Amino acid sequence: MPLVLSTNELIRRIQIDGDEAAFNELYQLQEARLLKFATGFVDDREAAEEIVNDVFVKIWLGRQTPVTIRNLQVYLYVLVKNACLNYLRGISSKRVKELQLTEAYYFHLSVDPAQLLISKELQSRVLRAVNGLPPRCKLIFKMVKEDDLSCNEVATILGLSNKTVFAQLAIALKKLDDALSSK
């Protein structure tokens, strides 16, 4: 049975030992979430894959530069977010206007026993309600509810205050409650 290392141990092995196996394990653990996050920003799966891969290449190339990482998840999300914003700045202004940074970020209902009990109509109402949220509200709601990030982590990733994240999440939950309780 393979030994699963903590992310702190993986980082230590990458930085100090230049351990490729540890780097590959870190990549496998984080790539899917970061890809989904990047795809939501750039609305282009190929570009998102390139962005995520570039972030990991930069991590590998800079592995010997001492960096203190307190929360790896937040660190990676911030790197990907910044790379996405750089990508968006680099594409034509027409393309920028067409992209709605959070509109493409889809809402995923996880399949668990409780979820299976929700009717298709309710799922449809939830999706409509989430898609009807203002862009910032929608992004924050999805990062907290879908990506399981804490409000503090979301605040750090998006460069917002904790108060703003809490307020936006409260607005999102109120609007969802209103949309789902009507009818």
N, C-alpha and C. Protein backbone atom coordinates (compact mmCIF):
# COMPACT_ATOMS: atom_id res chain seq x y z
N MET A 1 0.85 -1.18 0.00
CA MET A 1 0.00 0.00 0.00
C MET A 1 0.90 1.25 0.00
N PRO A 2 0.69 2.18 -0.98
CA PRO A 2 1.55 3.34 -1.07
C PRO A 2 1.32 4.30 0.09
N LEU A 3 2.39 4.93 0.51
CA LEU A 3 2.33 5.90 1.60
C LEU A 3 1.85 7.23 1.04
N VAL A 4 0.82 7.82 1.65
CA VAL A 4 0.31 9.11 1.24
C VAL A 4 0.96 10.17 2.13
N LEU A 5 1.66 11.09 1.51
CA LEU A 5 2.39 12.11 2.25
C LEU A 5 1.53 13.35 2.45
N SER A 6 1.77 14.07 3.53
CA SER A 6 1.08 15.33 3.75
C SER A 6 1.58 16.34 2.72
N THR A 7 0.78 17.36 2.46
CA THR A 7 1.21 18.37 1.49
C THR A 7 2.45 19.10 1.99
N ASN A 8 2.56 19.30 3.29
CA ASN A 8 3.77 19.94 3.82
C ASN A 8 5.00 19.09 3.55
N GLU A 9 4.86 17.79 3.70
CA GLU A 9 5.99 16.89 3.43
C GLU A 9 6.31 16.88 1.94
N LEU A 10 5.28 16.91 1.10
CA LEU A 10 5.50 16.96 -0.35
C LEU A 10 6.28 18.23 -0.72
N ILE A 11 5.84 19.37 -0.18
CA ILE A 11 6.53 20.63 -0.46
C ILE A 11 7.98 20.57 0.01
N ARG A 12 8.19 20.04 1.21
CA ARG A 12 9.56 19.92 1.74
C ARG A 12 10.40 19.07 0.81
N ARG A 13 9.86 17.93 0.37
CA ARG A 13 10.63 17.03 -0.50
C ARG A 13 10.89 17.66 -1.86
N ILE A 14 9.95 18.44 -2.35
CA ILE A 14 10.15 19.12 -3.64
C ILE A 14 11.22 20.19 -3.50
N GLN A 15 11.11 21.03 -2.47
CA GLN A 15 12.04 22.16 -2.30
C GLN A 15 13.43 21.71 -1.90
N ILE A 16 13.52 20.81 -0.95
CA ILE A 16 14.82 20.44 -0.41
C ILE A 16 15.50 19.33 -1.21
N ASP A 17 14.72 18.30 -1.54
CA ASP A 17 15.30 17.13 -2.21
C ASP A 17 15.16 17.16 -3.73
N GLY A 18 14.35 18.08 -4.27
CA GLY A 18 14.11 18.08 -5.72
C GLY A 18 13.42 16.79 -6.15
N ASP A 19 12.56 16.26 -5.31
CA ASP A 19 11.91 14.96 -5.49
C ASP A 19 10.80 15.04 -6.55
N GLU A 20 11.07 14.45 -7.73
CA GLU A 20 10.08 14.46 -8.81
C GLU A 20 8.84 13.66 -8.46
N ALA A 21 8.99 12.56 -7.75
CA ALA A 21 7.84 11.74 -7.37
C ALA A 21 6.90 12.55 -6.46
N ALA A 22 7.46 13.32 -5.54
CA ALA A 22 6.65 14.16 -4.66
C ALA A 22 5.94 15.24 -5.48
N PHE A 23 6.64 15.81 -6.46
CA PHE A 23 6.04 16.82 -7.33
C PHE A 23 4.87 16.21 -8.12
N ASN A 24 5.09 15.02 -8.67
CA ASN A 24 4.04 14.34 -9.43
C ASN A 24 2.83 14.04 -8.54
N GLU A 25 3.07 13.66 -7.31
CA GLU A 25 1.98 13.37 -6.37
C GLU A 25 1.19 14.65 -6.07
N LEU A 26 1.91 15.74 -5.86
CA LEU A 26 1.26 17.03 -5.61
C LEU A 26 0.42 17.42 -6.82
N TYR A 27 0.95 17.24 -8.01
CA TYR A 27 0.23 17.56 -9.24
C TYR A 27 -1.05 16.73 -9.32
N GLN A 28 -0.96 15.44 -9.08
CA GLN A 28 -2.12 14.56 -9.15
C GLN A 28 -3.19 14.96 -8.13
N LEU A 29 -2.77 15.40 -6.95
CA LEU A 29 -3.71 15.77 -5.90
C LEU A 29 -4.45 17.08 -6.22
N GLN A 30 -3.81 17.99 -6.89
CA GLN A 30 -4.36 19.34 -7.05
C GLN A 30 -4.86 19.69 -8.45
N GLU A 31 -4.42 18.98 -9.46
CA GLU A 31 -4.66 19.38 -10.85
C GLU A 31 -6.14 19.49 -11.21
N ALA A 32 -6.97 18.53 -10.83
CA ALA A 32 -8.38 18.53 -11.26
C ALA A 32 -9.13 19.75 -10.72
N ARG A 33 -8.95 20.06 -9.45
CA ARG A 33 -9.63 21.22 -8.85
C ARG A 33 -9.18 22.52 -9.49
N LEU A 34 -7.87 22.64 -9.69
CA LEU A 34 -7.34 23.87 -10.26
C LEU A 34 -7.78 24.03 -11.72
N LEU A 35 -7.87 22.92 -12.43
CA LEU A 35 -8.32 22.97 -13.82
C LEU A 35 -9.77 23.45 -13.90
N LYS A 36 -10.60 22.94 -13.02
CA LYS A 36 -12.00 23.36 -13.00
C LYS A 36 -12.10 24.85 -12.67
N PHE A 37 -11.32 25.28 -11.71
CA PHE A 37 -11.30 26.68 -11.31
C PHE A 37 -10.84 27.56 -12.48
N ALA A 38 -9.75 27.19 -13.15
CA ALA A 38 -9.23 27.97 -14.27
C ALA A 38 -10.20 27.99 -15.44
N THR A 39 -10.85 26.87 -15.70
CA THR A 39 -11.81 26.80 -16.80
C THR A 39 -12.95 27.78 -16.56
N GLY A 40 -13.35 27.94 -15.32
CA GLY A 40 -14.40 28.90 -14.99
C GLY A 40 -14.01 30.33 -15.30
N PHE A 41 -12.74 30.63 -15.18
CA PHE A 41 -12.27 31.99 -15.47
C PHE A 41 -12.12 32.23 -16.96
N VAL A 42 -11.48 31.33 -17.67
CA VAL A 42 -11.11 31.62 -19.06
C VAL A 42 -12.07 31.05 -20.08
N ASP A 43 -13.00 30.19 -19.67
CA ASP A 43 -14.01 29.62 -20.57
C ASP A 43 -13.36 28.90 -21.76
N ASP A 44 -12.23 28.30 -21.52
CA ASP A 44 -11.52 27.59 -22.58
C ASP A 44 -10.69 26.49 -21.91
N ARG A 45 -11.13 25.25 -22.10
CA ARG A 45 -10.49 24.14 -21.40
C ARG A 45 -9.01 24.02 -21.76
N GLU A 46 -8.69 24.18 -23.03
CA GLU A 46 -7.29 24.07 -23.46
C GLU A 46 -6.41 25.13 -22.79
N ALA A 47 -6.91 26.36 -22.79
CA ALA A 47 -6.16 27.45 -22.15
C ALA A 47 -6.04 27.19 -20.65
N ALA A 48 -7.10 26.69 -20.04
CA ALA A 48 -7.08 26.39 -18.60
C ALA A 48 -6.04 25.31 -18.29
N GLU A 49 -5.99 24.28 -19.13
CA GLU A 49 -4.99 23.22 -18.93
C GLU A 49 -3.59 23.80 -19.02
N GLU A 50 -3.38 24.67 -20.00
CA GLU A 50 -2.07 25.29 -20.18
C GLU A 50 -1.72 26.16 -18.97
N ILE A 51 -2.68 26.90 -18.47
CA ILE A 51 -2.45 27.76 -17.31
C ILE A 51 -2.06 26.93 -16.09
N VAL A 52 -2.82 25.88 -15.81
CA VAL A 52 -2.54 25.03 -14.65
C VAL A 52 -1.17 24.38 -14.80
N ASN A 53 -0.88 23.87 -15.99
CA ASN A 53 0.42 23.25 -16.21
C ASN A 53 1.56 24.26 -16.06
N ASP A 54 1.35 25.48 -16.56
CA ASP A 54 2.37 26.52 -16.41
C ASP A 54 2.62 26.84 -14.94
N VAL A 55 1.55 26.87 -14.14
CA VAL A 55 1.70 27.13 -12.71
C VAL A 55 2.57 26.04 -12.08
N PHE A 56 2.32 24.79 -12.43
CA PHE A 56 3.11 23.71 -11.86
C PHE A 56 4.56 23.72 -12.38
N VAL A 57 4.74 24.12 -13.64
CA VAL A 57 6.11 24.25 -14.17
C VAL A 57 6.86 25.33 -13.38
N LYS A 58 6.19 26.45 -13.11
CA LYS A 58 6.83 27.52 -12.33
C LYS A 58 7.18 27.04 -10.93
N ILE A 59 6.30 26.26 -10.35
CA ILE A 59 6.58 25.71 -9.01
C ILE A 59 7.81 24.83 -9.08
N TRP A 60 7.88 23.98 -10.09
CA TRP A 60 9.03 23.07 -10.22
C TRP A 60 10.32 23.84 -10.47
N LEU A 61 10.26 24.81 -11.39
CA LEU A 61 11.46 25.57 -11.71
C LEU A 61 11.92 26.44 -10.54
N GLY A 62 10.98 26.90 -9.72
CA GLY A 62 11.33 27.73 -8.58
C GLY A 62 11.44 26.96 -7.28
N ARG A 63 11.56 25.64 -7.38
CA ARG A 63 11.53 24.78 -6.18
C ARG A 63 12.67 25.06 -5.21
N GLN A 64 13.78 25.58 -5.69
CA GLN A 64 14.92 25.81 -4.79
C GLN A 64 14.91 27.21 -4.19
N THR A 65 13.97 28.05 -4.65
CA THR A 65 13.83 29.37 -4.07
C THR A 65 12.96 29.22 -2.83
N PRO A 66 13.49 29.56 -1.67
CA PRO A 66 12.71 29.36 -0.44
C PRO A 66 11.45 30.21 -0.42
N VAL A 67 10.31 29.56 -0.31
CA VAL A 67 9.02 30.22 -0.21
C VAL A 67 8.28 29.56 0.95
N THR A 68 7.79 30.37 1.86
CA THR A 68 7.01 29.83 2.96
C THR A 68 5.55 29.80 2.54
N ILE A 69 5.00 28.60 2.50
CA ILE A 69 3.61 28.41 2.10
C ILE A 69 2.84 27.93 3.32
N ARG A 70 1.96 28.81 3.82
CA ARG A 70 1.19 28.42 5.01
C ARG A 70 0.00 27.56 4.64
N ASN A 71 -0.65 27.86 3.52
CA ASN A 71 -1.81 27.09 3.08
C ASN A 71 -1.64 26.82 1.59
N LEU A 72 -1.25 25.61 1.26
CA LEU A 72 -0.95 25.25 -0.12
C LEU A 72 -2.14 25.46 -1.04
N GLN A 73 -3.34 25.08 -0.58
CA GLN A 73 -4.54 25.21 -1.40
C GLN A 73 -4.75 26.67 -1.81
N VAL A 74 -4.69 27.58 -0.86
CA VAL A 74 -4.87 29.00 -1.16
C VAL A 74 -3.75 29.49 -2.08
N TYR A 75 -2.53 29.09 -1.80
CA TYR A 75 -1.38 29.48 -2.62
C TYR A 75 -1.59 29.07 -4.08
N LEU A 76 -2.01 27.84 -4.31
CA LEU A 76 -2.23 27.36 -5.67
C LEU A 76 -3.38 28.08 -6.36
N TYR A 77 -4.49 28.28 -5.63
CA TYR A 77 -5.61 29.00 -6.21
C TYR A 77 -5.21 30.43 -6.60
N VAL A 78 -4.45 31.10 -5.76
CA VAL A 78 -4.02 32.46 -6.07
C VAL A 78 -3.11 32.47 -7.30
N LEU A 79 -2.19 31.51 -7.38
CA LEU A 79 -1.32 31.42 -8.56
C LEU A 79 -2.15 31.22 -9.83
N VAL A 80 -3.13 30.32 -9.77
CA VAL A 80 -3.96 30.04 -10.94
C VAL A 80 -4.83 31.26 -11.28
N LYS A 81 -5.41 31.87 -10.26
CA LYS A 81 -6.24 33.07 -10.49
C LYS A 81 -5.42 34.15 -11.18
N ASN A 82 -4.21 34.42 -10.69
CA ASN A 82 -3.37 35.45 -11.29
C ASN A 82 -2.97 35.09 -12.72
N ALA A 83 -2.67 33.82 -12.96
CA ALA A 83 -2.33 33.38 -14.31
C ALA A 83 -3.53 33.53 -15.24
N CYS A 84 -4.73 33.24 -14.74
CA CYS A 84 -5.94 33.40 -15.55
C CYS A 84 -6.17 34.87 -15.90
N LEU A 85 -5.99 35.72 -14.90
CA LEU A 85 -6.17 37.16 -15.16
C LEU A 85 -5.14 37.67 -16.16
N ASN A 86 -3.91 37.20 -16.08
CA ASN A 86 -2.89 37.57 -17.06
C ASN A 86 -3.27 37.09 -18.45
N TYR A 87 -3.79 35.88 -18.53
CA TYR A 87 -4.23 35.32 -19.82
C TYR A 87 -5.34 36.19 -20.40
N LEU A 88 -6.31 36.53 -19.56
CA LEU A 88 -7.44 37.33 -20.04
C LEU A 88 -6.99 38.73 -20.49
N ARG A 89 -6.01 39.29 -19.81
CA ARG A 89 -5.49 40.60 -20.22
C ARG A 89 -4.82 40.50 -21.59
N GLY A 90 -4.27 39.32 -21.88
CA GLY A 90 -3.52 39.16 -23.12
C GLY A 90 -4.37 38.88 -24.35
N ILE A 91 -5.62 38.51 -24.17
CA ILE A 91 -6.45 38.22 -25.35
C ILE A 91 -7.12 39.50 -25.83
N SER A 92 -7.66 39.46 -27.01
CA SER A 92 -8.21 40.67 -27.63
C SER A 92 -9.35 41.25 -26.80
N SER A 93 -9.58 42.55 -26.94
CA SER A 93 -10.62 43.22 -26.16
C SER A 93 -12.01 42.69 -26.51
N LYS A 94 -12.21 42.24 -27.74
CA LYS A 94 -13.50 41.67 -28.12
C LYS A 94 -13.75 40.39 -27.32
N ARG A 95 -12.74 39.58 -27.21
CA ARG A 95 -12.86 38.33 -26.46
C ARG A 95 -13.09 38.61 -24.98
N VAL A 96 -12.45 39.63 -24.45
CA VAL A 96 -12.63 39.99 -23.04
C VAL A 96 -14.09 40.35 -22.79
N LYS A 97 -14.69 41.14 -23.71
CA LYS A 97 -16.09 41.53 -23.55
C LYS A 97 -17.00 40.31 -23.59
N GLU A 98 -16.69 39.32 -24.41
CA GLU A 98 -17.53 38.13 -24.53
C GLU A 98 -17.46 37.26 -23.29
N LEU A 99 -16.32 37.27 -22.65
CA LEU A 99 -16.18 36.43 -21.46
C LEU A 99 -16.83 37.07 -20.26
N GLN A 100 -17.60 36.34 -19.56
CA GLN A 100 -18.08 36.75 -18.24
C GLN A 100 -17.33 35.84 -17.29
N LEU A 101 -16.44 36.41 -16.50
CA LEU A 101 -15.53 35.61 -15.71
C LEU A 101 -16.21 34.50 -14.93
N THR A 102 -17.36 34.76 -14.40
CA THR A 102 -17.97 33.72 -13.59
C THR A 102 -19.16 33.04 -14.25
N GLU A 103 -19.66 33.57 -15.37
CA GLU A 103 -20.82 32.98 -16.00
C GLU A 103 -20.55 31.56 -16.49
N ALA A 104 -19.31 31.29 -16.89
CA ALA A 104 -18.98 29.97 -17.40
C ALA A 104 -18.69 28.97 -16.29
N TYR A 105 -18.58 29.48 -15.08
CA TYR A 105 -18.25 28.61 -13.95
C TYR A 105 -19.50 27.83 -13.56
N TYR A 106 -19.60 26.59 -13.96
CA TYR A 106 -20.83 25.84 -13.80
C TYR A 106 -21.04 25.35 -12.37
N PHE A 107 -22.29 25.09 -12.05
CA PHE A 107 -22.67 24.62 -10.73
C PHE A 107 -22.83 23.11 -10.80
N HIS A 108 -22.13 22.42 -9.96
CA HIS A 108 -22.14 20.96 -9.96
C HIS A 108 -22.85 20.46 -8.71
N LEU A 109 -23.89 19.69 -8.93
CA LEU A 109 -24.57 19.07 -7.80
C LEU A 109 -23.94 17.71 -7.57
N SER A 110 -23.35 17.51 -6.41
CA SER A 110 -22.67 16.26 -6.15
C SER A 110 -23.69 15.15 -5.97
N VAL A 111 -23.32 13.95 -6.39
CA VAL A 111 -24.22 12.82 -6.29
C VAL A 111 -23.94 12.09 -4.98
N ASP A 112 -24.88 12.21 -4.09
CA ASP A 112 -24.84 11.46 -2.86
C ASP A 112 -26.28 11.03 -2.57
N PRO A 113 -26.51 10.15 -1.60
CA PRO A 113 -27.87 9.67 -1.36
C PRO A 113 -28.90 10.78 -1.15
N ALA A 114 -28.52 11.81 -0.42
CA ALA A 114 -29.46 12.91 -0.20
C ALA A 114 -29.77 13.63 -1.51
N GLN A 115 -28.75 13.81 -2.34
CA GLN A 115 -28.92 14.51 -3.61
C GLN A 115 -29.87 13.75 -4.53
N LEU A 116 -29.82 12.43 -4.48
CA LEU A 116 -30.67 11.63 -5.36
C LEU A 116 -32.15 11.83 -5.06
N LEU A 117 -32.47 12.30 -3.86
CA LEU A 117 -33.85 12.53 -3.48
C LEU A 117 -34.40 13.83 -4.03
N ILE A 118 -33.52 14.72 -4.47
CA ILE A 118 -33.97 16.01 -4.99
C ILE A 118 -34.54 15.81 -6.39
N SER A 119 -35.72 16.33 -6.61
CA SER A 119 -36.36 16.15 -7.92
C SER A 119 -35.65 16.97 -8.99
N LYS A 120 -35.89 16.59 -10.23
CA LYS A 120 -35.29 17.32 -11.35
C LYS A 120 -35.78 18.77 -11.36
N GLU A 121 -37.01 19.00 -10.98
CA GLU A 121 -37.54 20.36 -10.95
C GLU A 121 -36.79 21.20 -9.93
N LEU A 122 -36.54 20.64 -8.77
CA LEU A 122 -35.81 21.38 -7.74
C LEU A 122 -34.37 21.64 -8.20
N GLN A 123 -33.76 20.64 -8.82
CA GLN A 123 -32.40 20.84 -9.35
C GLN A 123 -32.39 21.98 -10.35
N SER A 124 -33.39 21.99 -11.21
CA SER A 124 -33.48 23.04 -12.22
C SER A 124 -33.67 24.40 -11.56
N ARG A 125 -34.48 24.48 -10.53
CA ARG A 125 -34.70 25.74 -9.82
C ARG A 125 -33.41 26.20 -9.13
N VAL A 126 -32.68 25.26 -8.55
CA VAL A 126 -31.42 25.61 -7.90
C VAL A 126 -30.44 26.15 -8.94
N LEU A 127 -30.32 25.47 -10.07
CA LEU A 127 -29.40 25.92 -11.12
C LEU A 127 -29.78 27.31 -11.63
N ARG A 128 -31.07 27.52 -11.85
CA ARG A 128 -31.53 28.84 -12.32
C ARG A 128 -31.22 29.91 -11.27
N ALA A 129 -31.46 29.58 -10.01
CA ALA A 129 -31.21 30.54 -8.94
C ALA A 129 -29.72 30.88 -8.85
N VAL A 130 -28.87 29.87 -8.93
CA VAL A 130 -27.43 30.11 -8.87
C VAL A 130 -26.97 30.91 -10.08
N ASN A 131 -27.45 30.54 -11.26
CA ASN A 131 -27.06 31.26 -12.47
C ASN A 131 -27.59 32.69 -12.48
N GLY A 132 -28.63 32.96 -11.70
CA GLY A 132 -29.20 34.31 -11.62
C GLY A 132 -28.49 35.21 -10.62
N LEU A 133 -27.54 34.65 -9.88
CA LEU A 133 -26.80 35.46 -8.90
C LEU A 133 -25.88 36.45 -9.62
N PRO A 134 -25.61 37.58 -8.99
CA PRO A 134 -24.61 38.49 -9.56
C PRO A 134 -23.26 37.76 -9.66
N PRO A 135 -22.41 38.13 -10.60
CA PRO A 135 -21.17 37.39 -10.85
C PRO A 135 -20.30 37.15 -9.61
N ARG A 136 -20.06 38.18 -8.81
CA ARG A 136 -19.20 38.01 -7.63
C ARG A 136 -19.86 37.07 -6.62
N CYS A 137 -21.15 37.25 -6.41
CA CYS A 137 -21.92 36.38 -5.49
C CYS A 137 -21.81 34.92 -5.94
N LYS A 138 -22.00 34.73 -7.22
CA LYS A 138 -21.98 33.39 -7.80
C LYS A 138 -20.62 32.73 -7.63
N LEU A 139 -19.57 33.47 -7.92
CA LEU A 139 -18.22 32.93 -7.79
C LEU A 139 -17.93 32.56 -6.34
N ILE A 140 -18.24 33.45 -5.41
CA ILE A 140 -17.99 33.19 -4.00
C ILE A 140 -18.82 32.00 -3.52
N PHE A 141 -20.08 31.96 -3.90
CA PHE A 141 -20.94 30.84 -3.51
C PHE A 141 -20.37 29.51 -3.99
N LYS A 142 -19.94 29.47 -5.23
CA LYS A 142 -19.40 28.23 -5.79
C LYS A 142 -18.07 27.83 -5.15
N MET A 143 -17.23 28.81 -4.86
CA MET A 143 -15.94 28.49 -4.24
C MET A 143 -16.15 27.91 -2.84
N VAL A 144 -17.14 28.44 -2.11
CA VAL A 144 -17.41 27.95 -0.76
C VAL A 144 -18.15 26.63 -0.80
N LYS A 145 -19.21 26.56 -1.60
CA LYS A 145 -20.08 25.38 -1.58
C LYS A 145 -19.58 24.24 -2.46
N GLU A 146 -18.96 24.56 -3.58
CA GLU A 146 -18.52 23.51 -4.50
C GLU A 146 -17.07 23.10 -4.26
N ASP A 147 -16.21 24.07 -4.06
CA ASP A 147 -14.80 23.77 -3.88
C ASP A 147 -14.41 23.55 -2.42
N ASP A 148 -15.38 23.69 -1.53
CA ASP A 148 -15.16 23.46 -0.09
C ASP A 148 -14.06 24.35 0.48
N LEU A 149 -13.96 25.56 -0.02
CA LEU A 149 -13.00 26.51 0.54
C LEU A 149 -13.67 27.29 1.66
N SER A 150 -12.91 27.67 2.65
CA SER A 150 -13.46 28.48 3.73
C SER A 150 -13.62 29.92 3.23
N CYS A 151 -14.43 30.68 3.95
CA CYS A 151 -14.61 32.09 3.59
C CYS A 151 -13.28 32.84 3.66
N ASN A 152 -12.45 32.51 4.62
CA ASN A 152 -11.14 33.15 4.74
C ASN A 152 -10.26 32.82 3.54
N GLU A 153 -10.29 31.57 3.08
CA GLU A 153 -9.51 31.17 1.92
C GLU A 153 -10.00 31.90 0.66
N VAL A 154 -11.33 31.99 0.51
CA VAL A 154 -11.90 32.69 -0.64
C VAL A 154 -11.47 34.16 -0.61
N ALA A 155 -11.51 34.77 0.56
CA ALA A 155 -11.10 36.17 0.68
C ALA A 155 -9.66 36.35 0.25
N THR A 156 -8.79 35.44 0.67
CA THR A 156 -7.38 35.52 0.30
C THR A 156 -7.20 35.33 -1.21
N ILE A 157 -7.88 34.34 -1.78
CA ILE A 157 -7.75 34.04 -3.21
C ILE A 157 -8.22 35.21 -4.06
N LEU A 158 -9.35 35.79 -3.70
CA LEU A 158 -9.93 36.86 -4.52
C LEU A 158 -9.45 38.25 -4.13
N GLY A 159 -8.65 38.34 -3.07
CA GLY A 159 -8.14 39.64 -2.64
C GLY A 159 -9.23 40.53 -2.06
N LEU A 160 -10.18 39.91 -1.36
CA LEU A 160 -11.28 40.65 -0.74
C LEU A 160 -11.16 40.56 0.76
N SER A 161 -11.92 41.39 1.46
CA SER A 161 -11.94 41.28 2.91
C SER A 161 -12.86 40.12 3.30
N ASN A 162 -12.63 39.59 4.49
CA ASN A 162 -13.50 38.51 4.98
C ASN A 162 -14.94 38.99 5.07
N LYS A 163 -15.12 40.23 5.47
CA LYS A 163 -16.45 40.81 5.61
C LYS A 163 -17.19 40.80 4.27
N THR A 164 -16.48 41.15 3.21
CA THR A 164 -17.08 41.18 1.88
C THR A 164 -17.51 39.77 1.46
N VAL A 165 -16.65 38.79 1.71
CA VAL A 165 -16.98 37.41 1.34
C VAL A 165 -18.21 36.94 2.12
N PHE A 166 -18.23 37.20 3.42
CA PHE A 166 -19.38 36.80 4.23
C PHE A 166 -20.65 37.48 3.75
N ALA A 167 -20.56 38.77 3.43
CA ALA A 167 -21.73 39.51 2.96
C ALA A 167 -22.22 38.96 1.63
N GLN A 168 -21.30 38.69 0.70
CA GLN A 168 -21.69 38.15 -0.60
C GLN A 168 -22.30 36.76 -0.46
N LEU A 169 -21.75 35.95 0.43
CA LEU A 169 -22.30 34.61 0.66
C LEU A 169 -23.69 34.71 1.28
N ALA A 170 -23.88 35.64 2.19
CA ALA A 170 -25.20 35.85 2.80
C ALA A 170 -26.22 36.28 1.74
N ILE A 171 -25.81 37.17 0.85
CA ILE A 171 -26.69 37.61 -0.23
C ILE A 171 -27.06 36.43 -1.12
N ALA A 172 -26.07 35.62 -1.48
CA ALA A 172 -26.32 34.45 -2.33
C ALA A 172 -27.30 33.50 -1.65
N LEU A 173 -27.08 33.20 -0.39
CA LEU A 173 -27.95 32.27 0.32
C LEU A 173 -29.36 32.82 0.45
N LYS A 174 -29.49 34.12 0.69
CA LYS A 174 -30.82 34.75 0.79
C LYS A 174 -31.54 34.66 -0.54
N LYS A 175 -30.84 34.97 -1.63
CA LYS A 175 -31.47 34.92 -2.95
C LYS A 175 -31.87 33.50 -3.32
N LEU A 176 -31.02 32.53 -2.97
CA LEU A 176 -31.36 31.13 -3.24
C LEU A 176 -32.56 30.71 -2.41
N ASP A 177 -32.59 31.11 -1.17
CA ASP A 177 -33.70 30.78 -0.30
C ASP A 177 -35.00 31.38 -0.85
N ASP A 178 -34.95 32.65 -1.27
CA ASP A 178 -36.11 33.30 -1.85
C ASP A 178 -36.58 32.58 -3.12
N ALA A 179 -35.62 32.22 -3.97
CA ALA A 179 -35.97 31.57 -5.25
C ALA A 179 -36.55 30.17 -5.00
N LEU A 180 -36.05 29.48 -4.02
CA LEU A 180 -36.50 28.11 -3.78
C LEU A 180 -37.77 28.06 -2.95
N SER A 181 -38.04 29.10 -2.16
CA SER A 181 -39.23 29.07 -1.33
C SER A 181 -40.44 29.66 -2.07
N SER A 182 -40.19 30.35 -3.17
CA SER A 182 -41.31 30.84 -3.97
C SER A 182 -41.90 29.67 -4.76
N LYS A 183 -43.15 29.72 -5.04
CA LYS A 183 -43.91 28.67 -5.74
C LYS A 183 -44.53 27.74 -4.79
